[in-house]
PDB file of N, CA and C in Angstrom:
ATOM      1  N   UNK A   1     -18.727  -3.560  -0.344  1.00  0.00           N
ATOM      2  CA  UNK A   1     -17.606  -2.893  -0.958  1.00  0.00           C
ATOM      3  C   UNK A   1     -17.323  -1.605  -0.205  1.00  0.00           C
ATOM      4  N   UNK A   2     -16.072  -1.358   0.076  1.00  0.00           N
ATOM      5  CA  UNK A   2     -15.673  -0.172   0.835  1.00  0.00           C
ATOM      6  C   UNK A   2     -15.783   1.076  -0.022  1.00  0.00           C
ATOM      7  N   UNK A   3     -16.084   2.175   0.615  1.00  0.00           N
ATOM      8  CA  UNK A   3     -16.160   3.445  -0.099  1.00  0.00           C
ATOM      9  C   UNK A   3     -14.904   4.247   0.206  1.00  0.00           C
ATOM     10  N   UNK A   4     -14.267   4.729  -0.832  1.00  0.00           N
ATOM     11  CA  UNK A   4     -13.028   5.464  -0.710  1.00  0.00           C
ATOM     12  C   UNK A   4     -13.294   6.917  -1.088  1.00  0.00           C
ATOM     13  N   UNK A   5     -13.999   7.652  -0.243  1.00  0.00           N
ATOM     14  CA  UNK A   5     -14.331   9.028  -0.591  1.00  0.00           C
ATOM     15  C   UNK A   5     -13.379  10.027   0.056  1.00  0.00           C
ATOM     16  N   UNK A   6     -12.588   9.567   0.987  1.00  0.00           N
ATOM     17  CA  UNK A   6     -11.735  10.471   1.752  1.00  0.00           C
ATOM     18  C   UNK A   6     -10.783  11.250   0.867  1.00  0.00           C
ATOM     19  N   UNK A   7     -10.103  10.585  -0.042  1.00  0.00           N
ATOM     20  CA  UNK A   7      -9.121  11.248  -0.898  1.00  0.00           C
ATOM     21  C   UNK A   7      -9.472  11.118  -2.376  1.00  0.00           C
ATOM     22  N   UNK A   8     -10.729  10.887  -2.648  1.00  0.00           N
ATOM     23  CA  UNK A   8     -11.153  10.689  -4.037  1.00  0.00           C
ATOM     24  C   UNK A   8     -10.929  11.943  -4.863  1.00  0.00           C
ATOM     25  N   UNK A   9     -10.150  11.806  -5.929  1.00  0.00           N
ATOM     26  CA  UNK A   9      -9.899  12.918  -6.837  1.00  0.00           C
ATOM     27  C   UNK A   9      -8.847  13.907  -6.375  1.00  0.00           C
ATOM     28  N   UNK A  10      -8.259  13.687  -5.218  1.00  0.00           N
ATOM     29  CA  UNK A  10      -7.230  14.601  -4.710  1.00  0.00           C
ATOM     30  C   UNK A  10      -5.851  14.155  -5.179  1.00  0.00           C
ATOM     31  N   UNK A  11      -4.950  15.108  -5.292  1.00  0.00           N
ATOM     32  CA  UNK A  11      -3.563  14.810  -5.649  1.00  0.00           C
ATOM     33  C   UNK A  11      -2.884  14.092  -4.484  1.00  0.00           C
ATOM     34  N   UNK A  12      -1.901  13.271  -4.808  1.00  0.00           N
ATOM     35  CA  UNK A  12      -1.113  12.593  -3.786  1.00  0.00           C
ATOM     36  C   UNK A  12      -0.149  13.596  -3.163  1.00  0.00           C
ATOM     37  N   UNK A  13      -0.054  13.597  -1.845  1.00  0.00           N
ATOM     38  CA  UNK A  13       0.911  14.456  -1.163  1.00  0.00           C
ATOM     39  C   UNK A  13       2.227  13.698  -1.010  1.00  0.00           C
ATOM     40  N   UNK A  14       3.274  14.427  -0.720  1.00  0.00           N
ATOM     41  CA  UNK A  14       4.583  13.774  -0.541  1.00  0.00           C
ATOM     42  C   UNK A  14       4.574  12.851   0.673  1.00  0.00           C
ATOM     43  N   UNK A  15       3.821  13.190   1.705  1.00  0.00           N
ATOM     44  CA  UNK A  15       3.762  12.320   2.881  1.00  0.00           C
ATOM     45  C   UNK A  15       3.008  11.026   2.573  1.00  0.00           C
ATOM     46  N   UNK A  16       1.996  11.089   1.709  1.00  0.00           N
ATOM     47  CA  UNK A  16       1.291   9.872   1.302  1.00  0.00           C
ATOM     48  C   UNK A  16       2.198   8.971   0.472  1.00  0.00           C
ATOM     49  N   UNK A  17       3.019   9.561  -0.381  1.00  0.00           N
ATOM     50  CA  UNK A  17       3.948   8.773  -1.196  1.00  0.00           C
ATOM     51  C   UNK A  17       4.990   8.116  -0.296  1.00  0.00           C
ATOM     52  N   UNK A  18       5.473   8.845   0.698  1.00  0.00           N
ATOM     53  CA  UNK A  18       6.443   8.274   1.652  1.00  0.00           C
ATOM     54  C   UNK A  18       5.821   7.106   2.404  1.00  0.00           C
ATOM     55  N   UNK A  19       4.551   7.271   2.840  1.00  0.00           N
ATOM     56  CA  UNK A  19       3.883   6.190   3.555  1.00  0.00           C
ATOM     57  C   UNK A  19       3.651   4.991   2.637  1.00  0.00           C
ATOM     58  N   UNK A  20       3.321   5.249   1.379  1.00  0.00           N
ATOM     59  CA  UNK A  20       3.164   4.173   0.398  1.00  0.00           C
ATOM     60  C   UNK A  20       4.463   3.387   0.263  1.00  0.00           C
ATOM     61  N   UNK A  21       5.586   4.078   0.152  1.00  0.00           N
ATOM     62  CA  UNK A  21       6.889   3.409   0.046  1.00  0.00           C
ATOM     63  C   UNK A  21       7.173   2.569   1.282  1.00  0.00           C
ATOM     64  N   UNK A  22       6.910   3.140   2.455  1.00  0.00           N
ATOM     65  CA  UNK A  22       7.169   2.428   3.705  1.00  0.00           C
ATOM     66  C   UNK A  22       6.299   1.179   3.831  1.00  0.00           C
ATOM     67  N   UNK A  23       5.015   1.313   3.517  1.00  0.00           N
ATOM     68  CA  UNK A  23       4.114   0.165   3.605  1.00  0.00           C
ATOM     69  C   UNK A  23       4.480  -0.906   2.588  1.00  0.00           C
ATOM     70  N   UNK A  24       4.922  -0.508   1.403  1.00  0.00           N
ATOM     71  CA  UNK A  24       5.331  -1.476   0.388  1.00  0.00           C
ATOM     72  C   UNK A  24       6.584  -2.225   0.831  1.00  0.00           C
ATOM     73  N   UNK A  25       7.506  -1.523   1.460  1.00  0.00           N
ATOM     74  CA  UNK A  25       8.727  -2.162   1.956  1.00  0.00           C
ATOM     75  C   UNK A  25       8.390  -3.210   3.008  1.00  0.00           C
ATOM     76  N   UNK A  26       7.378  -2.909   3.825  1.00  0.00           N
ATOM     77  CA  UNK A  26       6.984  -3.828   4.897  1.00  0.00           C
ATOM     78  C   UNK A  26       6.015  -4.902   4.430  1.00  0.00           C
ATOM     79  N   UNK A  27       5.862  -5.050   3.097  1.00  0.00           N
ATOM     80  CA  UNK A  27       5.082  -6.129   2.504  1.00  0.00           C
ATOM     81  C   UNK A  27       3.601  -6.068   2.885  1.00  0.00           C
ATOM     82  N   UNK A  28       3.055  -4.872   3.019  1.00  0.00           N
ATOM     83  CA  UNK A  28       1.646  -4.691   3.345  1.00  0.00           C
ATOM     84  C   UNK A  28       0.808  -4.939   2.090  1.00  0.00           C
ATOM     85  N   UNK A  29      -0.298  -5.687   2.214  1.00  0.00           N
ATOM     86  CA  UNK A  29      -1.148  -5.925   1.048  1.00  0.00           C
ATOM     87  C   UNK A  29      -1.698  -4.615   0.472  1.00  0.00           C
ATOM     88  N   UNK A  30      -1.910  -4.601  -0.828  1.00  0.00           N
ATOM     89  CA  UNK A  30      -2.337  -3.392  -1.526  1.00  0.00           C
ATOM     90  C   UNK A  30      -3.675  -2.885  -1.016  1.00  0.00           C
ATOM     91  N   UNK A  31      -4.594  -3.780  -0.735  1.00  0.00           N
ATOM     92  CA  UNK A  31      -5.903  -3.363  -0.222  1.00  0.00           C
ATOM     93  C   UNK A  31      -5.764  -2.655   1.122  1.00  0.00           C
ATOM     94  N   UNK A  32      -4.890  -3.148   1.973  1.00  0.00           N
ATOM     95  CA  UNK A  32      -4.671  -2.526   3.282  1.00  0.00           C
ATOM     96  C   UNK A  32      -4.020  -1.151   3.111  1.00  0.00           C
ATOM     97  N   UNK A  33      -3.074  -1.039   2.180  1.00  0.00           N
ATOM     98  CA  UNK A  33      -2.459   0.262   1.893  1.00  0.00           C
ATOM     99  C   UNK A  33      -3.534   1.248   1.462  1.00  0.00           C
ATOM    100  N   UNK A  34      -4.433   0.798   0.585  1.00  0.00           N
ATOM    101  CA  UNK A  34      -5.514   1.657   0.126  1.00  0.00           C
ATOM    102  C   UNK A  34      -6.416   2.113   1.257  1.00  0.00           C
ATOM    103  N   UNK A  35      -6.729   1.215   2.163  1.00  0.00           N
ATOM    104  CA  UNK A  35      -7.577   1.585   3.295  1.00  0.00           C
ATOM    105  C   UNK A  35      -6.884   2.583   4.212  1.00  0.00           C
ATOM    106  N   UNK A  36      -5.593   2.384   4.450  1.00  0.00           N
ATOM    107  CA  UNK A  36      -4.851   3.304   5.322  1.00  0.00           C
ATOM    108  C   UNK A  36      -4.712   4.686   4.710  1.00  0.00           C
ATOM    109  N   UNK A  37      -4.566   4.744   3.386  1.00  0.00           N
ATOM    110  CA  UNK A  37      -4.374   6.030   2.717  1.00  0.00           C
ATOM    111  C   UNK A  37      -5.680   6.635   2.213  1.00  0.00           C
ATOM    112  N   UNK A  38      -6.778   5.899   2.310  1.00  0.00           N
ATOM    113  CA  UNK A  38      -8.054   6.395   1.820  1.00  0.00           C
ATOM    114  C   UNK A  38      -8.123   6.421   0.309  1.00  0.00           C
ATOM    115  N   UNK A  39      -7.445   5.474  -0.333  1.00  0.00           N
ATOM    116  CA  UNK A  39      -7.387   5.384  -1.793  1.00  0.00           C
ATOM    117  C   UNK A  39      -7.884   4.013  -2.224  1.00  0.00           C
ATOM    118  N   UNK A  40      -8.275   3.912  -3.479  1.00  0.00           N
ATOM    119  CA  UNK A  40      -8.669   2.609  -4.005  1.00  0.00           C
ATOM    120  C   UNK A  40      -7.417   1.788  -4.302  1.00  0.00           C
ATOM    121  N   UNK A  41      -7.549   0.464  -4.298  1.00  0.00           N
ATOM    122  CA  UNK A  41      -6.390  -0.363  -4.663  1.00  0.00           C
ATOM    123  C   UNK A  41      -5.866  -0.029  -6.062  1.00  0.00           C
ATOM    124  N   UNK A  42      -6.753   0.323  -6.972  1.00  0.00           N
ATOM    125  CA  UNK A  42      -6.319   0.700  -8.319  1.00  0.00           C
ATOM    126  C   UNK A  42      -5.462   1.945  -8.327  1.00  0.00           C
ATOM    127  N   UNK A  43      -5.837   2.934  -7.510  1.00  0.00           N
ATOM    128  CA  UNK A  43      -5.028   4.156  -7.463  1.00  0.00           C
ATOM    129  C   UNK A  43      -3.691   3.902  -6.776  1.00  0.00           C
ATOM    130  N   UNK A  44      -3.673   2.967  -5.832  1.00  0.00           N
ATOM    131  CA  UNK A  44      -2.409   2.600  -5.184  1.00  0.00           C
ATOM    132  C   UNK A  44      -1.481   1.941  -6.204  1.00  0.00           C
ATOM    133  N   UNK A  45      -2.023   1.016  -7.020  1.00  0.00           N
ATOM    134  CA  UNK A  45      -1.224   0.380  -8.073  1.00  0.00           C
ATOM    135  C   UNK A  45      -0.681   1.414  -9.052  1.00  0.00           C
ATOM    136  N   UNK A  46      -1.540   2.340  -9.463  1.00  0.00           N
ATOM    137  CA  UNK A  46      -1.139   3.347 -10.439  1.00  0.00           C
ATOM    138  C   UNK A  46      -0.035   4.241  -9.900  1.00  0.00           C
ATOM    139  N   UNK A  47      -0.194   4.721  -8.662  1.00  0.00           N
ATOM    140  CA  UNK A  47       0.815   5.607  -8.071  1.00  0.00           C
ATOM    141  C   UNK A  47       2.121   4.860  -7.831  1.00  0.00           C
ATOM    142  N   UNK A  48       2.026   3.617  -7.369  1.00  0.00           N
ATOM    143  CA  UNK A  48       3.238   2.824  -7.141  1.00  0.00           C
ATOM    144  C   UNK A  48       3.988   2.616  -8.459  1.00  0.00           C
ATOM    145  N   UNK A  49       3.242   2.385  -9.517  1.00  0.00           N
ATOM    146  CA  UNK A  49       3.863   2.202 -10.821  1.00  0.00           C
ATOM    147  C   UNK A  49       4.549   3.480 -11.301  1.00  0.00           C
ATOM    148  N   UNK A  50       3.887   4.614 -11.121  1.00  0.00           N
ATOM    149  CA  UNK A  50       4.478   5.877 -11.576  1.00  0.00           C
ATOM    150  C   UNK A  50       5.682   6.286 -10.736  1.00  0.00           C
ATOM    151  N   UNK A  51       5.715   5.867  -9.466  1.00  0.00           N
ATOM    152  CA  UNK A  51       6.843   6.176  -8.581  1.00  0.00           C
ATOM    153  C   UNK A  51       7.901   5.064  -8.590  1.00  0.00           C
ATOM    154  N   UNK A  52       7.665   4.027  -9.395  1.00  0.00           N
ATOM    155  CA  UNK A  52       8.563   2.870  -9.477  1.00  0.00           C
ATOM    156  C   UNK A  52       8.754   2.180  -8.132  1.00  0.00           C
ATOM    157  N   UNK A  53       7.624   1.972  -7.454  1.00  0.00           N
ATOM    158  CA  UNK A  53       7.606   1.263  -6.177  1.00  0.00           C
ATOM    159  C   UNK A  53       7.064  -0.135  -6.453  1.00  0.00           C
ATOM    160  N   UNK A  54       7.799  -1.145  -6.057  1.00  0.00           N
ATOM    161  CA  UNK A  54       7.371  -2.519  -6.294  1.00  0.00           C
ATOM    162  C   UNK A  54       6.378  -2.940  -5.218  1.00  0.00           C
ATOM    163  N   UNK A  55       5.234  -3.449  -5.655  1.00  0.00           N
ATOM    164  CA  UNK A  55       4.240  -3.983  -4.729  1.00  0.00           C
ATOM    165  C   UNK A  55       4.270  -5.504  -4.710  1.00  0.00           C
ATOM    166  N   UNK A  56       5.204  -6.095  -5.457  1.00  0.00           N
ATOM    167  CA  UNK A  56       5.331  -7.546  -5.455  1.00  0.00           C
ATOM    168  C   UNK A  56       5.797  -8.010  -4.088  1.00  0.00           C
ATOM    169  N   UNK A  57       5.172  -9.060  -3.563  1.00  0.00           N
ATOM    170  CA  UNK A  57       5.581  -9.518  -2.236  1.00  0.00           C
ATOM    171  C   UNK A  57       6.974 -10.126  -2.277  1.00  0.00           C
ATOM    172  N   UNK A  58       7.735  -9.814  -1.266  1.00  0.00           N
ATOM    173  CA  UNK A  58       9.031 -10.462  -1.115  1.00  0.00           C
ATOM    174  C   UNK A  58       8.793 -11.776  -0.388  1.00  0.00           C
ATOM    175  N   UNK A  59       9.763 -12.597  -0.290  1.00  0.00           N
ATOM    176  CA  UNK A  59       9.565 -13.929   0.288  1.00  0.00           C
ATOM    177  C   UNK A  59       9.464 -13.883   1.801  1.00  0.00           C
ATOM    178  N   UNK A  60       8.417 -13.223   2.268  1.00  0.00           N
ATOM    179  CA  UNK A  60       8.135 -13.209   3.700  1.00  0.00           C
ATOM    180  C   UNK A  60       6.647 -12.986   3.897  1.00  0.00           C
ATOM    181  N   UNK A  61       6.161 -13.290   5.063  1.00  0.00           N
ATOM    182  CA  UNK A  61       4.747 -13.154   5.367  1.00  0.00           C
ATOM    183  C   UNK A  61       4.377 -11.679   5.490  1.00  0.00           C
ATOM    184  N   UNK A  62       3.101 -11.337   5.255  1.00  0.00           N
ATOM    185  CA  UNK A  62       2.678  -9.950   5.440  1.00  0.00           C
ATOM    186  C   UNK A  62       2.936  -9.481   6.866  1.00  0.00           C
ATOM    187  N   UNK A  63       3.204  -8.224   7.008  1.00  0.00           N
ATOM    188  CA  UNK A  63       3.447  -7.569   8.297  1.00  0.00           C
ATOM    189  C   UNK A  63       4.653  -8.127   9.018  1.00  0.00           C
ATOM    190  N   UNK A  64       5.569  -8.763   8.295  1.00  0.00           N
ATOM    191  CA  UNK A  64       6.804  -9.313   8.866  1.00  0.00           C
ATOM    192  C   UNK A  64       6.551 -10.340   9.966  1.00  0.00           C
ATOM    193  N   UNK A  65       5.505 -11.145   9.805  1.00  0.00           N
ATOM    194  CA  UNK A  65       5.219 -12.209  10.776  1.00  0.00           C
ATOM    195  C   UNK A  65       6.196 -13.336  10.575  1.00  0.00           C
ATOM    196  N   UNK A  66       6.576 -13.941  11.668  1.00  0.00           N
ATOM    197  CA  UNK A  66       7.466 -15.091  11.594  1.00  0.00           C
ATOM    198  C   UNK A  66       6.622 -16.358  11.751  1.00  0.00           C
ATOM    199  N   UNK A  67       7.011 -17.392  11.043  1.00  0.00           N
ATOM    200  CA  UNK A  67       6.273 -18.647  11.153  1.00  0.00           C
ATOM    201  C   UNK A  67       6.548 -19.286  12.508  1.00  0.00           C
ATOM    202  N   UNK A  68       5.506 -19.861  13.075  1.00  0.00           N
ATOM    203  CA  UNK A  68       5.624 -20.508  14.366  1.00  0.00           C
ATOM    204  C   UNK A  68       6.130 -21.911  14.167  1.00  0.00           C
ATOM    205  N   UNK A  69       7.192 -22.271  14.864  1.00  0.00           N
ATOM    206  CA  UNK A  69       7.734 -23.621  14.791  1.00  0.00           C
ATOM    207  C   UNK A  69       7.729 -24.208  16.194  1.00  0.00           C
ATOM    208  N   UNK A  70       7.517 -25.511  16.264  1.00  0.00           N
ATOM    209  CA  UNK A  70       7.487 -26.180  17.572  1.00  0.00           C
ATOM    210  C   UNK A  70       8.854 -26.505  18.042  1.00  0.00           C
TER     211      UNK A  70
END
């Protein structure tokens, strides 16, 4: 299990919220967002909910990957 001590108990900064919005728009998984921001997935869910940021995946692959066709 990963340890999230980097930002444990600290307030969210405006730049972290902006990055959260950007990563959510790009369909990044919640666990990856947490690792990039040094937060737990639970705190990412909570902050996204309070900021009204949708973490539901849109109909595309993570990281905007395109499916390979022959």
